[in-house]
Amino acid sequence: MNTRTRCPGPVFWLLALLLTAASAARSVAEAPEMDPASWQRLASGEVLVQNLRTSDSGGSVQVRALMHIDVETLWTYIASCDAVFDYVDGMLECELLEVRHEPGADISKVRQVIDKGWLIPKMDYIIEVRREPYTRVNFRLLEGNLKTIQGEWRFTGLKERAGLLVTHEIQVQPSFPVPRWIIRRNMRRDLPDMLACLRGLTGGSGDLPQDADLARCPRNQGS
């Protein structure tokens, strides 16, 4: 049975890192350059998997989803330590160790434990998370049983297209042997499932079937 460490403050996960809520104006930016087919796939509810690269020592990927929700609501929801267990597959523990404030950003130190099953050793690490409300979150490894974990979340309110574009980029390099096919499978399947689940949990599915997004949550997998 998974154990849950409930912390008194906000945390943010690496394959879905938790954010603190903060007072700031919503970011509205120009839409990133993508071909019309990619925009159509996003509008249809697909979570795009882009720039996927794997090697014997790890991998990197970018995933994007369109959510019909304001960024403040999404930001606040994923600030919940309890909620992360609903959309992050394998999350066992999350603990906020330290928070400090800088102009325009909050810096957190977070410990997380993830268990993806017997094929992958349990991951136990501490990351530094830099949050710039409401546009960007950067994270990097401080210590733990990984060689590398770093990446970014971006939240873009679109001027000419309905919805909030959520972009997540991550690079992971384990310090233990992991078959290359497992790394590729996890990046191609688990990360899109995470974004779709989060969209359903926050009511951001829009005109799309919310049940389809919720079906991709960890507790509903295989049901």
Protein backbone atom coordinates (compact mmCIF):
# COMPACT_ATOMS: atom_id res chain seq x y z
CA MET A 1 0.00 0.00 0.00
CA ASN A 2 1.28 3.43 -0.86
CA THR A 3 2.21 5.65 2.03
CA ARG A 4 1.40 9.34 1.86
CA THR A 5 3.46 12.00 3.54
CA ARG A 6 1.23 15.01 4.04
CA CYS A 7 3.27 18.21 4.30
CA PRO A 8 2.04 21.49 5.76
CA GLY A 9 2.87 23.51 2.64
CA PRO A 10 2.89 23.26 -1.18
CA VAL A 11 5.14 20.96 -3.20
CA PHE A 12 5.60 20.38 -6.91
CA TRP A 13 6.42 17.10 -8.69
CA LEU A 14 9.13 16.63 -11.35
CA LEU A 15 6.87 14.51 -13.84
CA ALA A 16 4.16 16.76 -12.52
CA LEU A 17 5.76 19.14 -9.95
CA LEU A 18 3.60 20.92 -7.36
CA LEU A 19 3.28 24.68 -7.38
CA THR A 20 2.47 27.24 -4.71
CA ALA A 21 -0.37 29.66 -5.26
CA ALA A 22 0.73 33.27 -5.50
CA SER A 23 -0.73 36.69 -6.26
CA ALA A 24 0.16 37.70 -9.82
CA ALA A 25 -1.55 38.62 -13.06
CA ARG A 26 -2.36 35.88 -15.53
CA SER A 27 0.20 35.55 -18.31
CA VAL A 28 -1.07 36.06 -21.84
CA ALA A 29 1.44 35.32 -24.56
CA GLU A 30 1.61 34.73 -28.26
CA ALA A 31 0.93 31.13 -29.21
CA PRO A 32 4.11 29.14 -29.88
CA GLU A 33 4.79 28.26 -33.48
CA MET A 34 3.23 24.92 -34.36
CA ASP A 35 1.77 23.56 -37.57
CA PRO A 36 -2.03 23.65 -38.01
CA ALA A 37 -2.23 19.87 -37.63
CA SER A 38 -0.64 20.06 -34.18
CA TRP A 39 -3.09 22.75 -33.08
CA GLN A 40 -5.96 20.61 -34.35
CA ARG A 41 -4.70 17.62 -32.38
CA LEU A 42 -4.49 19.75 -29.23
CA ALA A 43 -8.01 21.07 -29.80
CA SER A 44 -9.28 17.49 -30.15
CA GLY A 45 -7.92 16.69 -26.68
CA GLU A 46 -4.70 14.93 -27.61
CA VAL A 47 -1.64 15.44 -25.43
CA LEU A 48 1.27 15.97 -27.81
CA VAL A 49 4.53 14.12 -27.22
CA GLN A 50 7.38 16.01 -28.91
CA ASN A 51 11.17 15.88 -29.06
CA LEU A 52 11.32 12.46 -27.42
CA ARG A 53 14.90 11.25 -27.05
CA THR A 54 16.14 8.19 -25.19
CA SER A 55 19.48 6.53 -24.63
CA ASP A 56 20.91 3.81 -22.41
CA SER A 57 21.45 6.44 -19.72
CA GLY A 58 18.10 8.27 -19.73
CA GLY A 59 15.87 10.42 -21.86
CA SER A 60 14.13 13.73 -22.45
CA VAL A 61 10.73 14.77 -23.78
CA GLN A 62 8.30 17.66 -24.18
CA VAL A 63 4.55 17.19 -23.69
CA ARG A 64 1.79 19.72 -24.38
CA ALA A 65 -1.92 19.86 -23.62
CA LEU A 66 -4.68 22.39 -24.10
CA MET A 67 -6.81 22.95 -20.99
CA HIS A 68 -9.98 25.02 -20.75
CA ILE A 69 -9.26 26.48 -17.35
CA ASP A 70 -7.75 29.67 -15.99
CA VAL A 71 -4.15 29.39 -14.89
CA GLU A 72 -4.90 30.55 -11.34
CA THR A 73 -7.23 27.61 -10.76
CA LEU A 74 -4.75 25.11 -12.16
CA TRP A 75 -1.90 26.66 -10.18
CA THR A 76 -3.86 26.47 -6.93
CA TYR A 77 -5.00 22.89 -7.49
CA ILE A 78 -1.57 21.47 -8.08
CA ALA A 79 -0.28 23.26 -5.00
CA SER A 80 -2.04 20.59 -2.93
CA CYS A 81 0.22 17.89 -1.50
CA ASP A 82 -2.73 15.54 -1.23
CA ALA A 83 -3.86 16.05 -4.84
CA VAL A 84 -0.56 14.94 -6.37
CA PHE A 85 -1.36 11.33 -5.47
CA ASP A 86 -4.44 11.53 -7.69
CA TYR A 87 -2.59 12.25 -10.94
CA VAL A 88 1.05 11.14 -10.50
CA ASP A 89 1.49 7.42 -11.04
CA GLY A 90 3.72 5.79 -8.45
CA MET A 91 4.00 8.77 -6.09
CA LEU A 92 4.59 7.49 -2.56
CA GLU A 93 5.79 10.53 -0.62
CA CYS A 94 6.21 14.27 -1.03
CA GLU A 95 7.66 16.57 1.58
CA LEU A 96 8.34 20.28 1.53
CA LEU A 97 11.72 20.79 3.19
CA GLU A 98 12.37 24.49 2.71
CA VAL A 99 10.94 27.63 1.08
CA ARG A 100 12.54 30.99 0.44
CA HIS A 101 11.30 34.01 -1.44
CA GLU A 102 13.09 36.11 -4.06
CA PRO A 103 11.78 39.00 -6.18
CA GLY A 104 9.39 37.46 -8.69
CA ALA A 105 9.90 33.86 -7.59
CA ASP A 106 9.60 31.33 -4.79
CA ILE A 107 12.34 28.73 -4.32
CA SER A 108 11.46 25.42 -2.69
CA LYS A 109 13.37 22.31 -1.70
CA VAL A 110 11.22 19.18 -2.04
CA ARG A 111 11.80 15.49 -1.30
CA GLN A 112 9.83 12.98 -3.34
CA VAL A 113 9.66 9.21 -3.54
CA ILE A 114 8.28 7.42 -6.61
CA ASP A 115 7.83 3.68 -7.11
CA LYS A 116 7.12 2.61 -10.70
CA GLY A 117 7.16 -1.12 -10.04
CA TRP A 118 9.63 -3.96 -9.88
CA LEU A 119 11.35 -3.16 -13.20
CA ILE A 120 12.55 0.22 -11.92
CA PRO A 121 14.18 0.79 -8.51
CA LYS A 122 12.37 3.19 -6.21
CA MET A 123 13.37 6.82 -6.89
CA ASP A 124 14.15 8.91 -3.81
CA TYR A 125 15.50 12.40 -4.43
CA ILE A 126 15.47 16.07 -3.45
CA ILE A 127 14.85 18.78 -6.03
CA GLU A 128 14.99 22.55 -6.09
CA VAL A 129 11.89 24.15 -7.61
CA ARG A 130 11.81 27.76 -8.81
CA ARG A 131 8.28 29.08 -9.36
CA GLU A 132 7.56 32.28 -11.29
CA PRO A 133 3.79 32.88 -11.01
CA TYR A 134 1.93 32.26 -13.21
CA THR A 135 4.14 31.45 -16.18
CA ARG A 136 7.01 29.14 -15.43
CA VAL A 137 8.40 26.50 -13.07
CA ASN A 138 11.98 25.23 -13.28
CA PHE A 139 13.33 22.28 -11.33
CA ARG A 140 16.67 20.53 -10.88
CA LEU A 141 18.18 17.72 -8.85
CA LEU A 142 19.97 18.50 -5.60
CA GLU A 143 20.58 14.97 -4.27
CA GLY A 144 19.22 11.45 -4.40
CA ASN A 145 19.53 8.21 -6.35
CA LEU A 146 19.27 9.83 -9.80
CA LYS A 147 22.11 11.24 -11.88
CA THR A 148 19.98 13.95 -13.46
CA ILE A 149 16.49 15.29 -13.31
CA GLN A 150 15.70 18.74 -14.59
CA GLY A 151 13.09 20.51 -16.62
CA GLU A 152 10.40 23.12 -16.85
CA TRP A 153 6.66 23.76 -16.84
CA ARG A 154 5.18 26.67 -18.83
CA PHE A 155 1.63 28.01 -18.67
CA THR A 156 0.56 30.14 -21.63
CA GLY A 157 -2.77 31.91 -21.86
CA LEU A 158 -3.45 32.24 -25.58
CA LYS A 159 -4.63 35.45 -27.21
CA GLU A 160 -6.16 34.01 -30.36
CA ARG A 161 -6.95 30.46 -29.31
CA ALA A 162 -9.27 29.34 -26.55
CA GLY A 163 -7.67 27.65 -23.58
CA LEU A 164 -4.49 27.45 -21.58
CA LEU A 165 -1.49 25.79 -23.19
CA VAL A 166 0.40 23.68 -20.65
CA THR A 167 3.92 22.62 -21.66
CA HIS A 168 6.14 20.28 -19.67
CA GLU A 169 9.75 19.45 -20.52
CA ILE A 170 11.85 16.98 -18.56
CA GLN A 171 15.23 15.26 -18.74
CA VAL A 172 15.91 12.22 -16.54
CA GLN A 173 19.04 10.12 -16.13
CA PRO A 174 18.89 7.30 -13.56
CA SER A 175 21.93 6.25 -11.57
CA PHE A 176 20.85 2.62 -11.91
CA PRO A 177 20.33 0.42 -14.98
CA VAL A 178 16.93 0.90 -16.64
CA PRO A 179 16.04 -0.73 -19.99
CA ARG A 180 15.79 1.86 -22.72
CA TRP A 181 12.34 0.64 -23.79
CA ILE A 182 10.98 1.31 -20.30
CA ILE A 183 12.24 4.89 -20.34
CA ARG A 184 10.67 5.44 -23.75
CA ARG A 185 7.38 3.80 -22.72
CA ASN A 186 7.11 5.86 -19.54
CA MET A 187 7.78 9.14 -21.32
CA ARG A 188 5.40 8.36 -24.18
CA ARG A 189 2.58 7.03 -21.97
CA ASP A 190 2.82 8.20 -18.37
CA LEU A 191 3.42 11.92 -18.96
CA PRO A 192 0.51 12.36 -21.40
CA ASP A 193 -1.71 10.40 -19.00
CA MET A 194 -0.64 12.73 -16.19
CA LEU A 195 -1.60 15.90 -18.09
CA ALA A 196 -4.90 14.42 -19.27
CA CYS A 197 -5.74 13.29 -15.73
CA LEU A 198 -4.90 16.72 -14.33
CA ARG A 199 -7.11 18.34 -16.97
CA GLY A 200 -10.02 16.12 -15.96
CA LEU A 201 -9.55 16.60 -12.23
CA THR A 202 -9.50 20.38 -12.54
CA GLY A 203 -12.53 20.59 -14.83
CA GLY A 204 -10.41 21.75 -17.76
CA SER A 205 -11.71 19.27 -20.35
CA GLY A 206 -14.03 21.87 -21.86
CA ASP A 207 -16.34 20.39 -24.51
CA LEU A 208 -14.36 17.14 -24.50
CA PRO A 209 -15.56 14.14 -22.44
CA GLN A 210 -14.26 14.64 -18.92
CA ASP A 211 -14.60 10.90 -18.26
CA ALA A 212 -12.01 10.20 -20.95
CA ASP A 213 -9.48 12.38 -19.14
CA LEU A 214 -10.34 10.93 -15.72
CA ALA A 215 -9.94 7.40 -17.09
CA ARG A 216 -6.22 8.17 -17.51
CA CYS A 217 -5.73 8.87 -13.79
CA PRO A 218 -3.57 6.29 -11.96
CA ARG A 219 -6.42 4.98 -9.83
CA ASN A 220 -8.53 4.31 -12.93
CA GLN A 221 -5.87 2.60 -15.02
CA GLY A 222 -6.93 -0.91 -15.91
CA SER A 223 -10.40 -0.47 -14.41
